Amino acid sequence: MKARLLTPGRAAIIGIPMIGFFSTPFWPFAQDPTLWFGLPAVLVWITILVVLTVASIQIVETLYQRNGGRESDRLDRERLETEQIQQLRAERLAAEEEEGIR
């Protein structure tokens, strides 16, 4: 079975910070000159969302690797390498035939 990177649960994990980013202009602290910890509130809010984004991507990656993602990635890499080698071989044979070598 091939592991899927994007499942509904993982999309929900990634969606939480995205909703925060897109909803930022509508929050009251984004429209008023409010300070949090001596910094503009929007700057603190965006920093929190960046940290949440990094954490959510790490969680999704960990869940993907735990559910067989490493093996799935290896199989995809091997398949791609094989396809590329066959394509290069076919191009080389066509070029040799065109030049009259074969």
N, C-alpha and C. Protein backbone atom coordinates (compact mmCIF):
# COMPACT_ATOMS: atom_id res chain seq x y z
N MET A 1 0.83 -1.17 0.00
CA MET A 1 0.00 0.00 0.00
C MET A 1 0.88 1.24 0.00
N LYS A 2 0.55 2.19 -0.85
CA LYS A 2 1.32 3.42 -0.95
C LYS A 2 0.85 4.42 0.10
N ALA A 3 1.81 4.96 0.85
CA ALA A 3 1.47 5.95 1.87
C ALA A 3 1.08 7.27 1.20
N ARG A 4 0.07 7.91 1.74
CA ARG A 4 -0.37 9.20 1.20
C ARG A 4 0.11 10.31 2.10
N LEU A 5 0.68 11.33 1.49
CA LEU A 5 1.17 12.46 2.28
C LEU A 5 0.02 13.32 2.76
N LEU A 6 -0.93 13.60 1.91
CA LEU A 6 -2.03 14.48 2.29
C LEU A 6 -3.29 13.66 2.53
N THR A 7 -3.66 13.56 3.79
CA THR A 7 -4.91 12.93 4.19
C THR A 7 -5.78 14.01 4.83
N PRO A 8 -7.05 13.77 5.03
CA PRO A 8 -7.90 14.80 5.63
C PRO A 8 -7.40 15.26 7.01
N GLY A 9 -6.92 14.35 7.82
CA GLY A 9 -6.41 14.72 9.14
C GLY A 9 -5.17 15.59 9.05
N ARG A 10 -4.26 15.24 8.15
CA ARG A 10 -3.04 16.02 7.99
C ARG A 10 -3.35 17.37 7.36
N ALA A 11 -4.33 17.42 6.46
CA ALA A 11 -4.73 18.70 5.87
C ALA A 11 -5.32 19.61 6.94
N ALA A 12 -6.04 19.04 7.90
CA ALA A 12 -6.61 19.84 8.98
C ALA A 12 -5.50 20.40 9.87
N ILE A 13 -4.46 19.61 10.10
CA ILE A 13 -3.34 20.09 10.91
C ILE A 13 -2.66 21.29 10.23
N ILE A 14 -2.46 21.20 8.94
CA ILE A 14 -1.83 22.29 8.18
C ILE A 14 -2.79 23.47 8.05
N GLY A 15 -4.09 23.19 8.02
CA GLY A 15 -5.09 24.24 7.81
C GLY A 15 -5.23 25.21 8.97
N ILE A 16 -4.89 24.78 10.17
CA ILE A 16 -5.06 25.65 11.35
C ILE A 16 -4.23 26.93 11.23
N PRO A 17 -2.91 26.84 10.97
CA PRO A 17 -2.15 28.09 10.81
C PRO A 17 -2.58 28.88 9.57
N MET A 18 -2.99 28.18 8.51
CA MET A 18 -3.42 28.88 7.31
C MET A 18 -4.64 29.74 7.59
N ILE A 19 -5.57 29.22 8.33
CA ILE A 19 -6.76 30.00 8.70
C ILE A 19 -6.34 31.21 9.52
N GLY A 20 -5.38 31.02 10.40
CA GLY A 20 -4.87 32.14 11.19
C GLY A 20 -4.26 33.23 10.34
N PHE A 21 -3.46 32.83 9.34
CA PHE A 21 -2.84 33.81 8.44
C PHE A 21 -3.91 34.59 7.67
N PHE A 22 -4.87 33.86 7.11
CA PHE A 22 -5.88 34.51 6.28
C PHE A 22 -6.87 35.34 7.10
N SER A 23 -7.03 35.02 8.38
CA SER A 23 -7.97 35.78 9.20
C SER A 23 -7.32 36.95 9.93
N THR A 24 -6.02 37.08 9.85
CA THR A 24 -5.30 38.14 10.57
C THR A 24 -5.86 39.55 10.32
N PRO A 25 -6.14 39.95 9.09
CA PRO A 25 -6.62 41.33 8.88
C PRO A 25 -7.96 41.62 9.55
N PHE A 26 -8.72 40.61 9.88
CA PHE A 26 -10.05 40.81 10.44
C PHE A 26 -10.06 40.87 11.97
N TRP A 27 -8.95 40.59 12.61
CA TRP A 27 -8.87 40.64 14.07
C TRP A 27 -8.75 42.09 14.51
N PRO A 28 -9.36 42.43 15.64
CA PRO A 28 -9.32 43.83 16.11
C PRO A 28 -7.91 44.34 16.39
N PHE A 29 -7.02 43.49 16.90
CA PHE A 29 -5.67 43.95 17.22
C PHE A 29 -4.86 44.29 15.98
N ALA A 30 -5.29 43.80 14.82
CA ALA A 30 -4.58 44.11 13.58
C ALA A 30 -4.92 45.51 13.07
N GLN A 31 -6.02 46.06 13.51
CA GLN A 31 -6.45 47.36 13.03
C GLN A 31 -6.14 48.48 14.01
N ASP A 32 -5.86 48.16 15.25
CA ASP A 32 -5.53 49.15 16.27
C ASP A 32 -4.06 49.05 16.62
N PRO A 33 -3.45 50.14 17.02
CA PRO A 33 -2.03 50.09 17.43
C PRO A 33 -1.89 49.49 18.83
N THR A 34 -1.99 48.18 18.92
CA THR A 34 -1.91 47.47 20.19
C THR A 34 -0.52 46.88 20.35
N LEU A 35 0.00 46.90 21.57
CA LEU A 35 1.31 46.30 21.85
C LEU A 35 1.14 45.05 22.71
N TRP A 36 1.85 44.00 22.32
CA TRP A 36 1.95 42.78 23.12
C TRP A 36 3.44 42.59 23.40
N PHE A 37 3.80 42.47 24.64
CA PHE A 37 5.20 42.28 25.02
C PHE A 37 6.09 43.38 24.46
N GLY A 38 5.55 44.58 24.28
CA GLY A 38 6.32 45.69 23.76
C GLY A 38 6.49 45.70 22.25
N LEU A 39 5.85 44.78 21.57
CA LEU A 39 5.92 44.69 20.11
C LEU A 39 4.52 44.88 19.54
N PRO A 40 4.43 45.30 18.28
CA PRO A 40 3.10 45.38 17.67
C PRO A 40 2.41 44.01 17.70
N ALA A 41 1.13 44.02 18.02
CA ALA A 41 0.38 42.77 18.19
C ALA A 41 0.41 41.92 16.93
N VAL A 42 0.34 42.54 15.77
CA VAL A 42 0.34 41.77 14.52
C VAL A 42 1.66 41.03 14.36
N LEU A 43 2.77 41.67 14.73
CA LEU A 43 4.08 41.02 14.61
C LEU A 43 4.15 39.79 15.52
N VAL A 44 3.67 39.92 16.74
CA VAL A 44 3.66 38.78 17.67
C VAL A 44 2.75 37.67 17.13
N TRP A 45 1.57 38.05 16.62
CA TRP A 45 0.62 37.09 16.08
C TRP A 45 1.22 36.32 14.90
N ILE A 46 1.85 37.02 13.97
CA ILE A 46 2.46 36.37 12.81
C ILE A 46 3.61 35.47 13.24
N THR A 47 4.38 35.89 14.23
CA THR A 47 5.46 35.04 14.74
C THR A 47 4.91 33.74 15.31
N ILE A 48 3.83 33.84 16.06
CA ILE A 48 3.19 32.64 16.61
C ILE A 48 2.70 31.73 15.48
N LEU A 49 2.13 32.33 14.44
CA LEU A 49 1.63 31.53 13.32
C LEU A 49 2.77 30.86 12.54
N VAL A 50 3.89 31.55 12.42
CA VAL A 50 5.04 30.93 11.74
C VAL A 50 5.53 29.73 12.53
N VAL A 51 5.61 29.87 13.84
CA VAL A 51 6.04 28.75 14.69
C VAL A 51 5.03 27.60 14.59
N LEU A 52 3.74 27.92 14.59
CA LEU A 52 2.71 26.89 14.43
C LEU A 52 2.80 26.20 13.07
N THR A 53 3.12 26.97 12.04
CA THR A 53 3.26 26.38 10.70
C THR A 53 4.41 25.38 10.67
N VAL A 54 5.54 25.76 11.23
CA VAL A 54 6.70 24.86 11.26
C VAL A 54 6.36 23.61 12.07
N ALA A 55 5.72 23.79 13.20
CA ALA A 55 5.35 22.63 14.03
C ALA A 55 4.36 21.73 13.32
N SER A 56 3.38 22.31 12.62
CA SER A 56 2.38 21.49 11.93
C SER A 56 3.01 20.72 10.76
N ILE A 57 3.94 21.35 10.05
CA ILE A 57 4.62 20.63 8.96
C ILE A 57 5.45 19.49 9.53
N GLN A 58 6.09 19.71 10.66
CA GLN A 58 6.87 18.64 11.29
C GLN A 58 5.98 17.50 11.75
N ILE A 59 4.81 17.81 12.28
CA ILE A 59 3.86 16.78 12.71
C ILE A 59 3.40 15.96 11.51
N VAL A 60 3.06 16.64 10.41
CA VAL A 60 2.61 15.93 9.21
C VAL A 60 3.71 15.04 8.66
N GLU A 61 4.94 15.54 8.63
CA GLU A 61 6.06 14.74 8.15
C GLU A 61 6.28 13.51 9.03
N THR A 62 6.21 13.68 10.34
CA THR A 62 6.38 12.56 11.27
C THR A 62 5.29 11.51 11.07
N LEU A 63 4.05 11.95 10.93
CA LEU A 63 2.95 11.01 10.71
C LEU A 63 3.11 10.28 9.37
N TYR A 64 3.56 10.98 8.35
CA TYR A 64 3.77 10.37 7.04
C TYR A 64 4.87 9.31 7.12
N GLN A 65 5.99 9.65 7.77
CA GLN A 65 7.09 8.69 7.89
C GLN A 65 6.67 7.48 8.72
N ARG A 66 5.88 7.69 9.76
CA ARG A 66 5.45 6.60 10.62
C ARG A 66 4.51 5.64 9.88
N ASN A 67 3.75 6.15 8.92
CA ASN A 67 2.78 5.31 8.19
C ASN A 67 3.34 4.76 6.88
N GLY A 68 4.65 4.62 6.79
CA GLY A 68 5.25 3.98 5.62
C GLY A 68 5.71 4.94 4.55
N GLY A 69 5.87 6.17 4.86
CA GLY A 69 6.27 7.16 3.88
C GLY A 69 7.69 6.97 3.37
N ARG A 70 8.59 6.55 4.24
CA ARG A 70 9.98 6.36 3.83
C ARG A 70 10.08 5.27 2.76
N GLU A 71 9.38 4.18 2.96
CA GLU A 71 9.39 3.08 1.98
C GLU A 71 8.73 3.52 0.68
N SER A 72 7.64 4.24 0.79
CA SER A 72 6.94 4.74 -0.40
C SER A 72 7.84 5.69 -1.20
N ASP A 73 8.56 6.57 -0.51
CA ASP A 73 9.47 7.48 -1.17
C ASP A 73 10.60 6.73 -1.87
N ARG A 74 11.11 5.68 -1.22
CA ARG A 74 12.20 4.89 -1.81
C ARG A 74 11.73 4.19 -3.08
N LEU A 75 10.52 3.62 -3.05
CA LEU A 75 9.98 2.95 -4.23
C LEU A 75 9.75 3.94 -5.37
N ASP A 76 9.24 5.12 -5.04
CA ASP A 76 9.05 6.14 -6.07
C ASP A 76 10.37 6.57 -6.68
N ARG A 77 11.38 6.72 -5.85
CA ARG A 77 12.71 7.12 -6.33
C ARG A 77 13.28 6.05 -7.27
N GLU A 78 13.16 4.78 -6.88
CA GLU A 78 13.66 3.70 -7.72
C GLU A 78 12.92 3.65 -9.05
N ARG A 79 11.59 3.81 -9.00
CA ARG A 79 10.80 3.79 -10.23
C ARG A 79 11.20 4.94 -11.15
N LEU A 80 11.39 6.12 -10.58
CA LEU A 80 11.75 7.28 -11.37
C LEU A 80 13.13 7.11 -11.99
N GLU A 81 14.08 6.60 -11.22
CA GLU A 81 15.42 6.37 -11.74
C GLU A 81 15.38 5.37 -12.89
N THR A 82 14.61 4.32 -12.76
CA THR A 82 14.49 3.32 -13.81
C THR A 82 13.89 3.94 -15.07
N GLU A 83 12.83 4.73 -14.91
CA GLU A 83 12.20 5.38 -16.06
C GLU A 83 13.15 6.34 -16.73
N GLN A 84 13.93 7.10 -15.95
CA GLN A 84 14.87 8.05 -16.53
C GLN A 84 15.98 7.32 -17.29
N ILE A 85 16.47 6.22 -16.73
CA ILE A 85 17.52 5.46 -17.41
C ILE A 85 17.00 4.90 -18.73
N GLN A 86 15.79 4.36 -18.73
CA GLN A 86 15.22 3.83 -19.97
C GLN A 86 15.01 4.94 -20.99
N GLN A 87 14.58 6.11 -20.55
CA GLN A 87 14.37 7.22 -21.46
C GLN A 87 15.71 7.68 -22.06
N LEU A 88 16.75 7.78 -21.23
CA LEU A 88 18.06 8.17 -21.74
C LEU A 88 18.61 7.14 -22.72
N ARG A 89 18.40 5.85 -22.43
CA ARG A 89 18.86 4.79 -23.32
C ARG A 89 18.15 4.88 -24.67
N ALA A 90 16.84 5.13 -24.65
CA ALA A 90 16.08 5.25 -25.89
C ALA A 90 16.53 6.47 -26.69
N GLU A 91 16.80 7.57 -26.03
CA GLU A 91 17.28 8.76 -26.73
C GLU A 91 18.66 8.52 -27.34
N ARG A 92 19.52 7.82 -26.61
CA ARG A 92 20.86 7.52 -27.13
C ARG A 92 20.78 6.60 -28.34
N LEU A 93 19.94 5.58 -28.28
CA LEU A 93 19.78 4.69 -29.42
C LEU A 93 19.22 5.43 -30.63
N ALA A 94 18.27 6.31 -30.41
CA ALA A 94 17.70 7.09 -31.52
C ALA A 94 18.75 8.00 -32.13
N ALA A 95 19.60 8.61 -31.29
CA ALA A 95 20.65 9.48 -31.81
C ALA A 95 21.69 8.68 -32.58
N GLU A 96 22.03 7.50 -32.10
CA GLU A 96 23.00 6.65 -32.81
C GLU A 96 22.45 6.20 -34.16
N GLU A 97 21.18 5.84 -34.20
CA GLU A 97 20.57 5.44 -35.47
C GLU A 97 20.51 6.61 -36.44
N GLU A 98 20.25 7.78 -35.92
CA GLU A 98 20.18 8.98 -36.76
C GLU A 98 21.54 9.31 -37.37
N GLU A 99 22.60 9.08 -36.62
CA GLU A 99 23.95 9.36 -37.11
C GLU A 99 24.50 8.21 -37.95
N GLY A 100 23.82 7.12 -38.01
CA GLY A 100 24.24 5.98 -38.79
C GLY A 100 25.23 5.09 -38.08
N ILE A 101 25.36 5.22 -36.79
CA ILE A 101 26.28 4.39 -36.03
C ILE A 101 25.72 2.99 -35.90
N ARG A 102 24.43 2.84 -35.77
CA ARG A 102 23.80 1.53 -35.62
C ARG A 102 23.04 1.19 -36.85
